[in-house]
Amino acid sequence: MQHGHDMLFRALADPTRRAIFERLCRDGEQTVGALTAQAGVSQPAVSKHLGILKLAGLVRDRQSGRQTHYHAERAALAPLADWTGRMTGFWESRFDELEDLLTRMDQ
């Protein structure tokens, strides 16, 4: 089984999945049919992408009659925000060290 963070990164690595997730974030809950109409891929492909997003915890679904409605779980992005924050801090410190080194070399 993949680590949860790996699932999150893999799910968002695909541009179609990112677009579906972004649309759910922007426009709110959608049916598979509504998502398919604007996804540029077939309904089975959209369903497969939604399944991967669901496994990563990025979307949730609810049944309403014969329709399945999906909505974004924005809180699932927290590990991504944490990781990018750590990486930002890491690289900022490295650039500061490089700047200090270059300043010492100029003296």
PDB file of N, CA and C in Angstrom:
ATOM      1  N   MET A   1       0.841  -1.196   0.000  1.00  0.00           N
ATOM      2  CA  MET A   1       0.000   0.000   0.000  1.00  0.00           C
ATOM      3  C   MET A   1       0.882   1.254   0.000  1.00  0.00           C
ATOM      4  N   GLN A   2       0.492   2.238  -0.778  1.00  0.00           N
ATOM      5  CA  GLN A   2       1.286   3.452  -0.889  1.00  0.00           C
ATOM      6  C   GLN A   2       1.093   4.330   0.334  1.00  0.00           C
ATOM      7  N   HIS A   3       2.121   5.068   0.666  1.00  0.00           N
ATOM      8  CA  HIS A   3       2.052   6.059   1.728  1.00  0.00           C
ATOM      9  C   HIS A   3       1.029   7.116   1.320  1.00  0.00           C
ATOM     10  N   GLY A   4       0.279   7.649   2.281  1.00  0.00           N
ATOM     11  CA  GLY A   4      -0.764   8.630   1.990  1.00  0.00           C
ATOM     12  C   GLY A   4      -0.281   9.839   1.222  1.00  0.00           C
ATOM     13  N   HIS A   5       0.917  10.328   1.583  1.00  0.00           N
ATOM     14  CA  HIS A   5       1.458  11.492   0.881  1.00  0.00           C
ATOM     15  C   HIS A   5       1.769  11.142  -0.571  1.00  0.00           C
ATOM     16  N   ASP A   6       2.268   9.932  -0.790  1.00  0.00           N
ATOM     17  CA  ASP A   6       2.562   9.507  -2.154  1.00  0.00           C
ATOM     18  C   ASP A   6       1.284   9.484  -2.989  1.00  0.00           C
ATOM     19  N   MET A   7       0.205   8.994  -2.407  1.00  0.00           N
ATOM     20  CA  MET A   7      -1.073   8.962  -3.123  1.00  0.00           C
ATOM     21  C   MET A   7      -1.528  10.377  -3.492  1.00  0.00           C
ATOM     22  N   LEU A   8      -1.351  11.298  -2.571  1.00  0.00           N
ATOM     23  CA  LEU A   8      -1.740  12.684  -2.814  1.00  0.00           C
ATOM     24  C   LEU A   8      -0.943  13.274  -3.973  1.00  0.00           C
ATOM     25  N   PHE A   9       0.378  13.100  -3.942  1.00  0.00           N
ATOM     26  CA  PHE A   9       1.217  13.648  -5.006  1.00  0.00           C
ATOM     27  C   PHE A   9       0.928  12.969  -6.343  1.00  0.00           C
ATOM     28  N   ARG A  10       0.751  11.663  -6.328  1.00  0.00           N
ATOM     29  CA  ARG A  10       0.454  10.949  -7.583  1.00  0.00           C
ATOM     30  C   ARG A  10      -0.891  11.372  -8.151  1.00  0.00           C
ATOM     31  N   ALA A  11      -1.866  11.545  -7.283  1.00  0.00           N
ATOM     32  CA  ALA A  11      -3.197  11.956  -7.751  1.00  0.00           C
ATOM     33  C   ALA A  11      -3.134  13.320  -8.416  1.00  0.00           C
ATOM     34  N   LEU A  12      -2.391  14.232  -7.831  1.00  0.00           N
ATOM     35  CA  LEU A  12      -2.321  15.594  -8.372  1.00  0.00           C
ATOM     36  C   LEU A  12      -1.311  15.747  -9.499  1.00  0.00           C
ATOM     37  N   ALA A  13      -0.509  14.716  -9.745  1.00  0.00           N
ATOM     38  CA  ALA A  13       0.484  14.789 -10.822  1.00  0.00           C
ATOM     39  C   ALA A  13      -0.159  14.777 -12.201  1.00  0.00           C
ATOM     40  N   ASP A  14      -1.341  14.207 -12.304  1.00  0.00           N
ATOM     41  CA  ASP A  14      -2.018  14.113 -13.600  1.00  0.00           C
ATOM     42  C   ASP A  14      -2.804  15.406 -13.871  1.00  0.00           C
ATOM     43  N   PRO A  15      -2.596  16.040 -15.029  1.00  0.00           N
ATOM     44  CA  PRO A  15      -3.270  17.316 -15.306  1.00  0.00           C
ATOM     45  C   PRO A  15      -4.792  17.203 -15.371  1.00  0.00           C
ATOM     46  N   THR A  16      -5.318  16.084 -15.844  1.00  0.00           N
ATOM     47  CA  THR A  16      -6.774  15.925 -15.899  1.00  0.00           C
ATOM     48  C   THR A  16      -7.341  15.829 -14.487  1.00  0.00           C
ATOM     49  N   ARG A  17      -6.678  15.064 -13.620  1.00  0.00           N
ATOM     50  CA  ARG A  17      -7.148  14.965 -12.233  1.00  0.00           C
ATOM     51  C   ARG A  17      -7.058  16.313 -11.528  1.00  0.00           C
ATOM     52  N   ARG A  18      -5.960  17.038 -11.765  1.00  0.00           N
ATOM     53  CA  ARG A  18      -5.841  18.371 -11.159  1.00  0.00           C
ATOM     54  C   ARG A  18      -6.982  19.264 -11.616  1.00  0.00           C
ATOM     55  N   ALA A  19      -7.301  19.213 -12.902  1.00  0.00           N
ATOM     56  CA  ALA A  19      -8.378  20.049 -13.436  1.00  0.00           C
ATOM     57  C   ALA A  19      -9.717  19.670 -12.816  1.00  0.00           C
ATOM     58  N   ILE A  20      -9.969  18.389 -12.652  1.00  0.00           N
ATOM     59  CA  ILE A  20     -11.220  17.942 -12.027  1.00  0.00           C
ATOM     60  C   ILE A  20     -11.274  18.428 -10.583  1.00  0.00           C
ATOM     61  N   PHE A  21     -10.183  18.250  -9.855  1.00  0.00           N
ATOM     62  CA  PHE A  21     -10.139  18.696  -8.456  1.00  0.00           C
ATOM     63  C   PHE A  21     -10.330  20.210  -8.362  1.00  0.00           C
ATOM     64  N   GLU A  22      -9.641  20.957  -9.215  1.00  0.00           N
ATOM     65  CA  GLU A  22      -9.770  22.416  -9.213  1.00  0.00           C
ATOM     66  C   GLU A  22     -11.201  22.841  -9.515  1.00  0.00           C
ATOM     67  N   ARG A  23     -11.827  22.149 -10.448  1.00  0.00           N
ATOM     68  CA  ARG A  23     -13.215  22.489 -10.786  1.00  0.00           C
ATOM     69  C   ARG A  23     -14.135  22.236  -9.597  1.00  0.00           C
ATOM     70  N   LEU A  24     -13.933  21.117  -8.911  1.00  0.00           N
ATOM     71  CA  LEU A  24     -14.746  20.837  -7.729  1.00  0.00           C
ATOM     72  C   LEU A  24     -14.498  21.874  -6.633  1.00  0.00           C
ATOM     73  N   CYS A  25     -13.268  22.317  -6.481  1.00  0.00           N
ATOM     74  CA  CYS A  25     -12.965  23.363  -5.500  1.00  0.00           C
ATOM     75  C   CYS A  25     -13.651  24.670  -5.874  1.00  0.00           C
ATOM     76  N   ARG A  26     -13.567  25.021  -7.134  1.00  0.00           N
ATOM     77  CA  ARG A  26     -14.084  26.306  -7.621  1.00  0.00           C
ATOM     78  C   ARG A  26     -15.608  26.326  -7.703  1.00  0.00           C
ATOM     79  N   ASP A  27     -16.192  25.262  -8.285  1.00  0.00           N
ATOM     80  CA  ASP A  27     -17.618  25.275  -8.603  1.00  0.00           C
ATOM     81  C   ASP A  27     -18.485  24.496  -7.617  1.00  0.00           C
ATOM     82  N   GLY A  28     -17.863  23.779  -6.696  1.00  0.00           N
ATOM     83  CA  GLY A  28     -18.641  23.007  -5.731  1.00  0.00           C
ATOM     84  C   GLY A  28     -19.018  21.640  -6.279  1.00  0.00           C
ATOM     85  N   GLU A  29     -19.915  21.006  -5.592  1.00  0.00           N
ATOM     86  CA  GLU A  29     -20.306  19.630  -5.892  1.00  0.00           C
ATOM     87  C   GLU A  29     -20.790  19.466  -7.331  1.00  0.00           C
ATOM     88  N   GLN A  30     -20.359  18.363  -7.953  1.00  0.00           N
ATOM     89  CA  GLN A  30     -20.699  18.082  -9.357  1.00  0.00           C
ATOM     90  C   GLN A  30     -20.996  16.595  -9.517  1.00  0.00           C
ATOM     91  N   THR A  31     -21.816  16.285 -10.504  1.00  0.00           N
ATOM     92  CA  THR A  31     -22.029  14.890 -10.878  1.00  0.00           C
ATOM     93  C   THR A  31     -20.944  14.475 -11.871  1.00  0.00           C
ATOM     94  N   VAL A  32     -20.816  13.172 -12.065  1.00  0.00           N
ATOM     95  CA  VAL A  32     -19.860  12.666 -13.048  1.00  0.00           C
ATOM     96  C   VAL A  32     -20.192  13.227 -14.428  1.00  0.00           C
ATOM     97  N   GLY A  33     -21.481  13.269 -14.755  1.00  0.00           N
ATOM     98  CA  GLY A  33     -21.899  13.794 -16.060  1.00  0.00           C
ATOM     99  C   GLY A  33     -21.485  15.238 -16.264  1.00  0.00           C
ATOM    100  N   ALA A  34     -21.671  16.058 -15.241  1.00  0.00           N
ATOM    101  CA  ALA A  34     -21.289  17.469 -15.344  1.00  0.00           C
ATOM    102  C   ALA A  34     -19.776  17.609 -15.482  1.00  0.00           C
ATOM    103  N   LEU A  35     -19.033  16.804 -14.749  1.00  0.00           N
ATOM    104  CA  LEU A  35     -17.572  16.849 -14.856  1.00  0.00           C
ATOM    105  C   LEU A  35     -17.103  16.374 -16.216  1.00  0.00           C
ATOM    106  N   THR A  36     -17.752  15.340 -16.749  1.00  0.00           N
ATOM    107  CA  THR A  36     -17.378  14.798 -18.057  1.00  0.00           C
ATOM    108  C   THR A  36     -17.599  15.823 -19.160  1.00  0.00           C
ATOM    109  N   ALA A  37     -18.671  16.598 -19.046  1.00  0.00           N
ATOM    110  CA  ALA A  37     -19.008  17.576 -20.084  1.00  0.00           C
ATOM    111  C   ALA A  37     -17.885  18.575 -20.310  1.00  0.00           C
ATOM    112  N   GLN A  38     -17.077  18.829 -19.299  1.00  0.00           N
ATOM    113  CA  GLN A  38     -16.018  19.825 -19.456  1.00  0.00           C
ATOM    114  C   GLN A  38     -14.606  19.254 -19.333  1.00  0.00           C
ATOM    115  N   ALA A  39     -14.498  17.946 -19.114  1.00  0.00           N
ATOM    116  CA  ALA A  39     -13.176  17.356 -18.867  1.00  0.00           C
ATOM    117  C   ALA A  39     -12.379  17.089 -20.138  1.00  0.00           C
ATOM    118  N   GLY A  40     -13.055  16.928 -21.259  1.00  0.00           N
ATOM    119  CA  GLY A  40     -12.335  16.629 -22.498  1.00  0.00           C
ATOM    120  C   GLY A  40     -11.924  15.174 -22.610  1.00  0.00           C
ATOM    121  N   VAL A  41     -12.438  14.325 -21.721  1.00  0.00           N
ATOM    122  CA  VAL A  41     -12.189  12.886 -21.771  1.00  0.00           C
ATOM    123  C   VAL A  41     -13.519  12.169 -21.555  1.00  0.00           C
ATOM    124  N   SER A  42     -13.516  10.869 -21.778  1.00  0.00           N
ATOM    125  CA  SER A  42     -14.754  10.088 -21.686  1.00  0.00           C
ATOM    126  C   SER A  42     -15.245   9.955 -20.242  1.00  0.00           C
ATOM    127  N   GLN A  43     -16.503   9.570 -20.102  1.00  0.00           N
ATOM    128  CA  GLN A  43     -17.081   9.359 -18.776  1.00  0.00           C
ATOM    129  C   GLN A  43     -16.341   8.266 -18.008  1.00  0.00           C
ATOM    130  N   PRO A  44     -15.984   7.131 -18.647  1.00  0.00           N
ATOM    131  CA  PRO A  44     -15.205   6.134 -17.896  1.00  0.00           C
ATOM    132  C   PRO A  44     -13.859   6.681 -17.408  1.00  0.00           C
ATOM    133  N   ALA A  45     -13.231   7.526 -18.218  1.00  0.00           N
ATOM    134  CA  ALA A  45     -11.950   8.122 -17.806  1.00  0.00           C
ATOM    135  C   ALA A  45     -12.152   9.058 -16.614  1.00  0.00           C
ATOM    136  N   VAL A  46     -13.208   9.875 -16.655  1.00  0.00           N
ATOM    137  CA  VAL A  46     -13.504  10.766 -15.531  1.00  0.00           C
ATOM    138  C   VAL A  46     -13.774   9.946 -14.277  1.00  0.00           C
ATOM    139  N   SER A  47     -14.536   8.874 -14.417  1.00  0.00           N
ATOM    140  CA  SER A  47     -14.829   8.019 -13.262  1.00  0.00           C
ATOM    141  C   SER A  47     -13.553   7.416 -12.679  1.00  0.00           C
ATOM    142  N   LYS A  48     -12.643   7.008 -13.553  1.00  0.00           N
ATOM    143  CA  LYS A  48     -11.370   6.453 -13.086  1.00  0.00           C
ATOM    144  C   LYS A  48     -10.558   7.516 -12.348  1.00  0.00           C
ATOM    145  N   HIS A  49     -10.507   8.722 -12.910  1.00  0.00           N
ATOM    146  CA  HIS A  49      -9.787   9.818 -12.255  1.00  0.00           C
ATOM    147  C   HIS A  49     -10.415  10.135 -10.900  1.00  0.00           C
ATOM    148  N   LEU A  50     -11.735  10.151 -10.839  1.00  0.00           N
ATOM    149  CA  LEU A  50     -12.413  10.415  -9.571  1.00  0.00           C
ATOM    150  C   LEU A  50     -12.101   9.329  -8.544  1.00  0.00           C
ATOM    151  N   GLY A  51     -11.993   8.098  -8.999  1.00  0.00           N
ATOM    152  CA  GLY A  51     -11.637   7.002  -8.099  1.00  0.00           C
ATOM    153  C   GLY A  51     -10.262   7.205  -7.486  1.00  0.00           C
ATOM    154  N   ILE A  52      -9.321   7.662  -8.289  1.00  0.00           N
ATOM    155  CA  ILE A  52      -7.965   7.917  -7.793  1.00  0.00           C
ATOM    156  C   ILE A  52      -7.966   9.106  -6.833  1.00  0.00           C
ATOM    157  N   LEU A  53      -8.703  10.153  -7.184  1.00  0.00           N
ATOM    158  CA  LEU A  53      -8.818  11.305  -6.288  1.00  0.00           C
ATOM    159  C   LEU A  53      -9.471  10.910  -4.965  1.00  0.00           C
ATOM    160  N   LYS A  54     -10.435  10.018  -5.044  1.00  0.00           N
ATOM    161  CA  LYS A  54     -11.117   9.539  -3.841  1.00  0.00           C
ATOM    162  C   LYS A  54     -10.158   8.729  -2.968  1.00  0.00           C
ATOM    163  N   LEU A  55      -9.378   7.841  -3.576  1.00  0.00           N
ATOM    164  CA  LEU A  55      -8.392   7.056  -2.819  1.00  0.00           C
ATOM    165  C   LEU A  55      -7.377   7.954  -2.109  1.00  0.00           C
ATOM    166  N   ALA A  56      -7.036   9.066  -2.728  1.00  0.00           N
ATOM    167  CA  ALA A  56      -6.085  10.011  -2.144  1.00  0.00           C
ATOM    168  C   ALA A  56      -6.740  10.904  -1.095  1.00  0.00           C
ATOM    169  N   GLY A  57      -8.051  10.791  -0.936  1.00  0.00           N
ATOM    170  CA  GLY A  57      -8.764  11.604   0.045  1.00  0.00           C
ATOM    171  C   GLY A  57      -9.085  13.002  -0.429  1.00  0.00           C
ATOM    172  N   LEU A  58      -8.896  13.262  -1.724  1.00  0.00           N
ATOM    173  CA  LEU A  58      -9.111  14.603  -2.264  1.00  0.00           C
ATOM    174  C   LEU A  58     -10.565  14.885  -2.617  1.00  0.00           C
ATOM    175  N   VAL A  59     -11.351  13.844  -2.839  1.00  0.00           N
ATOM    176  CA  VAL A  59     -12.775  14.018  -3.107  1.00  0.00           C
ATOM    177  C   VAL A  59     -13.574  13.014  -2.278  1.00  0.00           C
ATOM    178  N   ARG A  60     -14.823  13.378  -2.039  1.00  0.00           N
ATOM    179  CA  ARG A  60     -15.793  12.493  -1.397  1.00  0.00           C
ATOM    180  C   ARG A  60     -17.001  12.420  -2.319  1.00  0.00           C
ATOM    181  N   ASP A  61     -17.720  11.330  -2.200  1.00  0.00           N
ATOM    182  CA  ASP A  61     -18.917  11.193  -3.026  1.00  0.00           C
ATOM    183  C   ASP A  61     -20.131  10.923  -2.154  1.00  0.00           C
ATOM    184  N   ARG A  62     -21.293  11.190  -2.732  1.00  0.00           N
ATOM    185  CA  ARG A  62     -22.559  10.861  -2.089  1.00  0.00           C
ATOM    186  C   ARG A  62     -23.544  10.457  -3.174  1.00  0.00           C
ATOM    187  N   GLN A  63     -24.317   9.476  -2.869  1.00  0.00           N
ATOM    188  CA  GLN A  63     -25.336   8.995  -3.806  1.00  0.00           C
ATOM    189  C   GLN A  63     -26.622   9.789  -3.615  1.00  0.00           C
ATOM    190  N   SER A  64     -27.250  10.094  -4.708  1.00  0.00           N
ATOM    191  CA  SER A  64     -28.573  10.721  -4.697  1.00  0.00           C
ATOM    192  C   SER A  64     -29.355  10.078  -5.834  1.00  0.00           C
ATOM    193  N   GLY A  65     -30.140   9.065  -5.501  1.00  0.00           N
ATOM    194  CA  GLY A  65     -30.819   8.294  -6.535  1.00  0.00           C
ATOM    195  C   GLY A  65     -29.787   7.559  -7.363  1.00  0.00           C
ATOM    196  N   ARG A  66     -29.866   7.737  -8.673  1.00  0.00           N
ATOM    197  CA  ARG A  66     -28.915   7.077  -9.576  1.00  0.00           C
ATOM    198  C   ARG A  66     -27.674   7.923  -9.841  1.00  0.00           C
ATOM    199  N   GLN A  67     -27.645   9.112  -9.299  1.00  0.00           N
ATOM    200  CA  GLN A  67     -26.526  10.032  -9.524  1.00  0.00           C
ATOM    201  C   GLN A  67     -25.512   9.950  -8.376  1.00  0.00           C
ATOM    202  N   THR A  68     -24.246  10.063  -8.729  1.00  0.00           N
ATOM    203  CA  THR A  68     -23.189  10.198  -7.726  1.00  0.00           C
ATOM    204  C   THR A  68     -22.661  11.617  -7.821  1.00  0.00           C
ATOM    205  N   HIS A  69     -22.658  12.281  -6.686  1.00  0.00           N
ATOM    206  CA  HIS A  69     -22.178  13.657  -6.606  1.00  0.00           C
ATOM    207  C   HIS A  69     -20.828  13.653  -5.898  1.00  0.00           C
ATOM    208  N   TYR A  70     -19.896  14.433  -6.432  1.00  0.00           N
ATOM    209  CA  TYR A  70     -18.552  14.518  -5.869  1.00  0.00           C
ATOM    210  C   TYR A  70     -18.287  15.931  -5.382  1.00  0.00           C
ATOM    211  N   HIS A  71     -17.563  16.036  -4.279  1.00  0.00           N
ATOM    212  CA  HIS A  71     -17.119  17.340  -3.797  1.00  0.00           C
ATOM    213  C   HIS A  71     -15.669  17.235  -3.342  1.00  0.00           C
ATOM    214  N   ALA A  72     -14.973  18.362  -3.416  1.00  0.00           N
ATOM    215  CA  ALA A  72     -13.556  18.421  -3.061  1.00  0.00           C
ATOM    216  C   ALA A  72     -13.387  18.438  -1.551  1.00  0.00           C
ATOM    217  N   GLU A  73     -12.349  17.777  -1.109  1.00  0.00           N
ATOM    218  CA  GLU A  73     -11.938  17.800   0.301  1.00  0.00           C
ATOM    219  C   GLU A  73     -10.663  18.633   0.380  1.00  0.00           C
ATOM    220  N   ARG A  74     -10.829  19.944   0.490  1.00  0.00           N
ATOM    221  CA  ARG A  74      -9.677  20.848   0.467  1.00  0.00           C
ATOM    222  C   ARG A  74      -8.699  20.571   1.609  1.00  0.00           C
ATOM    223  N   ALA A  75      -9.214  20.129   2.742  1.00  0.00           N
ATOM    224  CA  ALA A  75      -8.349  19.855   3.890  1.00  0.00           C
ATOM    225  C   ALA A  75      -7.325  18.764   3.585  1.00  0.00           C
ATOM    226  N   ALA A  76      -7.618  17.922   2.580  1.00  0.00           N
ATOM    227  CA  ALA A  76      -6.689  16.852   2.205  1.00  0.00           C
ATOM    228  C   ALA A  76      -5.393  17.403   1.625  1.00  0.00           C
ATOM    229  N   LEU A  77      -5.388  18.690   1.266  1.00  0.00           N
ATOM    230  CA  LEU A  77      -4.177  19.313   0.729  1.00  0.00           C
ATOM    231  C   LEU A  77      -3.193  19.715   1.826  1.00  0.00           C
ATOM    232  N   ALA A  78      -3.558  19.570   3.093  1.00  0.00           N
ATOM    233  CA  ALA A  78      -2.694  19.992   4.200  1.00  0.00           C
ATOM    234  C   ALA A  78      -1.293  19.373   4.120  1.00  0.00           C
ATOM    235  N   PRO A  79      -1.148  18.061   3.854  1.00  0.00           N
ATOM    236  CA  PRO A  79       0.211  17.516   3.756  1.00  0.00           C
ATOM    237  C   PRO A  79       1.032  18.162   2.641  1.00  0.00           C
ATOM    238  N   LEU A  80       0.389  18.523   1.540  1.00  0.00           N
ATOM    239  CA  LEU A  80       1.082  19.196   0.439  1.00  0.00           C
ATOM    240  C   LEU A  80       1.536  20.585   0.872  1.00  0.00           C
ATOM    241  N   ALA A  81       0.673  21.305   1.563  1.00  0.00           N
ATOM    242  CA  ALA A  81       1.029  22.642   2.058  1.00  0.00           C
ATOM    243  C   ALA A  81       2.166  22.544   3.067  1.00  0.00           C
ATOM    244  N   ASP A  82       2.115  21.537   3.944  1.00  0.00           N
ATOM    245  CA  ASP A  82       3.190  21.347   4.925  1.00  0.00           C
ATOM    246  C   ASP A  82       4.515  21.056   4.217  1.00  0.00           C
ATOM    247  N   TRP A  83       4.480  20.174   3.235  1.00  0.00           N
ATOM    248  CA  TRP A  83       5.698  19.797   2.522  1.00  0.00           C
ATOM    249  C   TRP A  83       6.298  20.993   1.788  1.00  0.00           C
ATOM    250  N   THR A  84       5.457  21.743   1.080  1.00  0.00           N
ATOM    251  CA  THR A  84       5.978  22.896   0.339  1.00  0.00           C
ATOM    252  C   THR A  84       6.518  23.946   1.306  1.00  0.00           C
ATOM    253  N   GLY A  85       5.895  24.088   2.474  1.00  0.00           N
ATOM    254  CA  GLY A  85       6.411  25.018   3.475  1.00  0.00           C
ATOM    255  C   GLY A  85       7.790  24.604   3.974  1.00  0.00           C
ATOM    256  N   ARG A  86       7.962  23.299   4.237  1.00  0.00           N
ATOM    257  CA  ARG A  86       9.275  22.804   4.675  1.00  0.00           C
ATOM    258  C   ARG A  86      10.317  22.998   3.585  1.00  0.00           C
ATOM    259  N   MET A  87       9.949  22.707   2.346  1.00  0.00           N
ATOM    260  CA  MET A  87      10.903  22.857   1.242  1.00  0.00           C
ATOM    261  C   MET A  87      11.254  24.317   1.010  1.00  0.00           C
ATOM    262  N   THR A  88      10.291  25.194   1.172  1.00  0.00           N
ATOM    263  CA  THR A  88      10.565  26.627   1.032  1.00  0.00           C
ATOM    264  C   THR A  88      11.586  27.064   2.074  1.00  0.00           C
ATOM    265  N   GLY A  89      11.366  26.641   3.324  1.00  0.00           N
ATOM    266  CA  GLY A  89      12.308  26.977   4.387  1.00  0.00           C
ATOM    267  C   GLY A  89      13.689  26.409   4.114  1.00  0.00           C
ATOM    268  N   PHE A  90      13.728  25.174   3.637  1.00  0.00           N
ATOM    269  CA  PHE A  90      14.999  24.528   3.314  1.00  0.00           C
ATOM    270  C   PHE A  90      15.773  25.330   2.278  1.00  0.00           C
ATOM    271  N   TRP A  91      15.119  25.658   1.164  1.00  0.00           N
ATOM    272  CA  TRP A  91      15.820  26.358   0.087  1.00  0.00           C
ATOM    273  C   TRP A  91      16.153  27.796   0.458  1.00  0.00           C
ATOM    274  N   GLU A  92      15.285  28.448   1.220  1.00  0.00           N
ATOM    275  CA  GLU A  92      15.610  29.811   1.646  1.00  0.00           C
ATOM    276  C   GLU A  92      16.877  29.813   2.501  1.00  0.00           C
ATOM    277  N   SER A  93      17.025  28.829   3.393  1.00  0.00           N
ATOM    278  CA  SER A  93      18.235  28.774   4.220  1.00  0.00           C
ATOM    279  C   SER A  93      19.464  28.492   3.359  1.00  0.00           C
ATOM    280  N   ARG A  94      19.316  27.660   2.346  1.00  0.00           N
ATOM    281  CA  ARG A  94      20.454  27.365   1.462  1.00  0.00           C
ATOM    282  C   ARG A  94      20.876  28.607   0.677  1.00  0.00           C
ATOM    283  N   PHE A  95      19.900  29.358   0.196  1.00  0.00           N
ATOM    284  CA  PHE A  95      20.229  30.590  -0.535  1.00  0.00           C
ATOM    285  C   PHE A  95      20.885  31.614   0.389  1.00  0.00           C
ATOM    286  N   ASP A  96      20.419  31.682   1.641  1.00  0.00           N
ATOM    287  CA  ASP A  96      21.042  32.584   2.611  1.00  0.00           C
ATOM    288  C   ASP A  96      22.495  32.189   2.840  1.00  0.00           C
ATOM    289  N   GLU A  97      22.754  30.886   2.967  1.00  0.00           N
ATOM    290  CA  GLU A  97      24.129  30.408   3.152  1.00  0.00           C
ATOM    291  C   GLU A  97      24.988  30.737   1.937  1.00  0.00           C
ATOM    292  N   LEU A  98      24.419  30.572   0.746  1.00  0.00           N
ATOM    293  CA  LEU A  98      25.158  30.899  -0.482  1.00  0.00           C
ATOM    294  C   LEU A  98      25.466  32.392  -0.540  1.00  0.00           C
ATOM    295  N   GLU A  99      24.486  33.196  -0.189  1.00  0.00           N
ATOM    296  CA  GLU A  99      24.699  34.656  -0.185  1.00  0.00           C
ATOM    297  C   GLU A  99      25.807  35.026   0.799  1.00  0.00           C
ATOM    298  N   ASP A 100      25.811  34.429   1.978  1.00  0.00           N
ATOM    299  CA  ASP A 100      26.865  34.684   2.958  1.00  0.00           C
ATOM    300  C   ASP A 100      28.231  34.281   2.407  1.00  0.00           C
ATOM    301  N   LEU A 101      28.302  33.129   1.779  1.00  0.00           N
ATOM    302  CA  LEU A 101      29.564  32.651   1.188  1.00  0.00           C
ATOM    303  C   LEU A 101      30.055  33.620   0.117  1.00  0.00           C
ATOM    304  N   LEU A 102      29.183  34.043  -0.754  1.00  0.00           N
ATOM    305  CA  LEU A 102      29.578  34.964  -1.832  1.00  0.00           C
ATOM    306  C   LEU A 102      30.033  36.299  -1.264  1.00  0.00           C
ATOM    307  N   THR A 103      29.380  36.764  -0.205  1.00  0.00           N
ATOM    308  CA  THR A 103      29.777  38.019   0.441  1.00  0.00           C
ATOM    309  C   THR A 103      31.176  37.889   1.023  1.00  0.00           C
ATOM    310  N   ARG A 104      31.446  36.758   1.690  1.00  0.00           N
ATOM    311  CA  ARG A 104      32.791  36.523   2.266  1.00  0.00           C
ATOM    312  C   ARG A 104      33.849  36.429   1.148  1.00  0.00           C
ATOM    313  N   MET A 105      33.480  35.831   0.038  1.00  0.00           N
ATOM    314  CA  MET A 105      34.439  35.693  -1.071  1.00  0.00           C
ATOM    315  C   MET A 105      34.757  37.042  -1.700  1.00  0.00           C
ATOM    316  N   ASP A 106      33.815  37.960  -1.684  1.00  0.00           N
ATOM    317  CA  ASP A 106      34.028  39.293  -2.261  1.00  0.00           C
ATOM    318  C   ASP A 106      34.905  40.170  -1.379  1.00  0.00           C
ATOM    319  N   GLN A 107      35.047  39.814  -0.118  1.00  0.00           N
ATOM    320  CA  GLN A 107      35.815  40.671   0.816  1.00  0.00           C
ATOM    321  C   GLN A 107      37.284  40.448   0.697  1.00  0.00           C
TER     322      GLN A 107
END
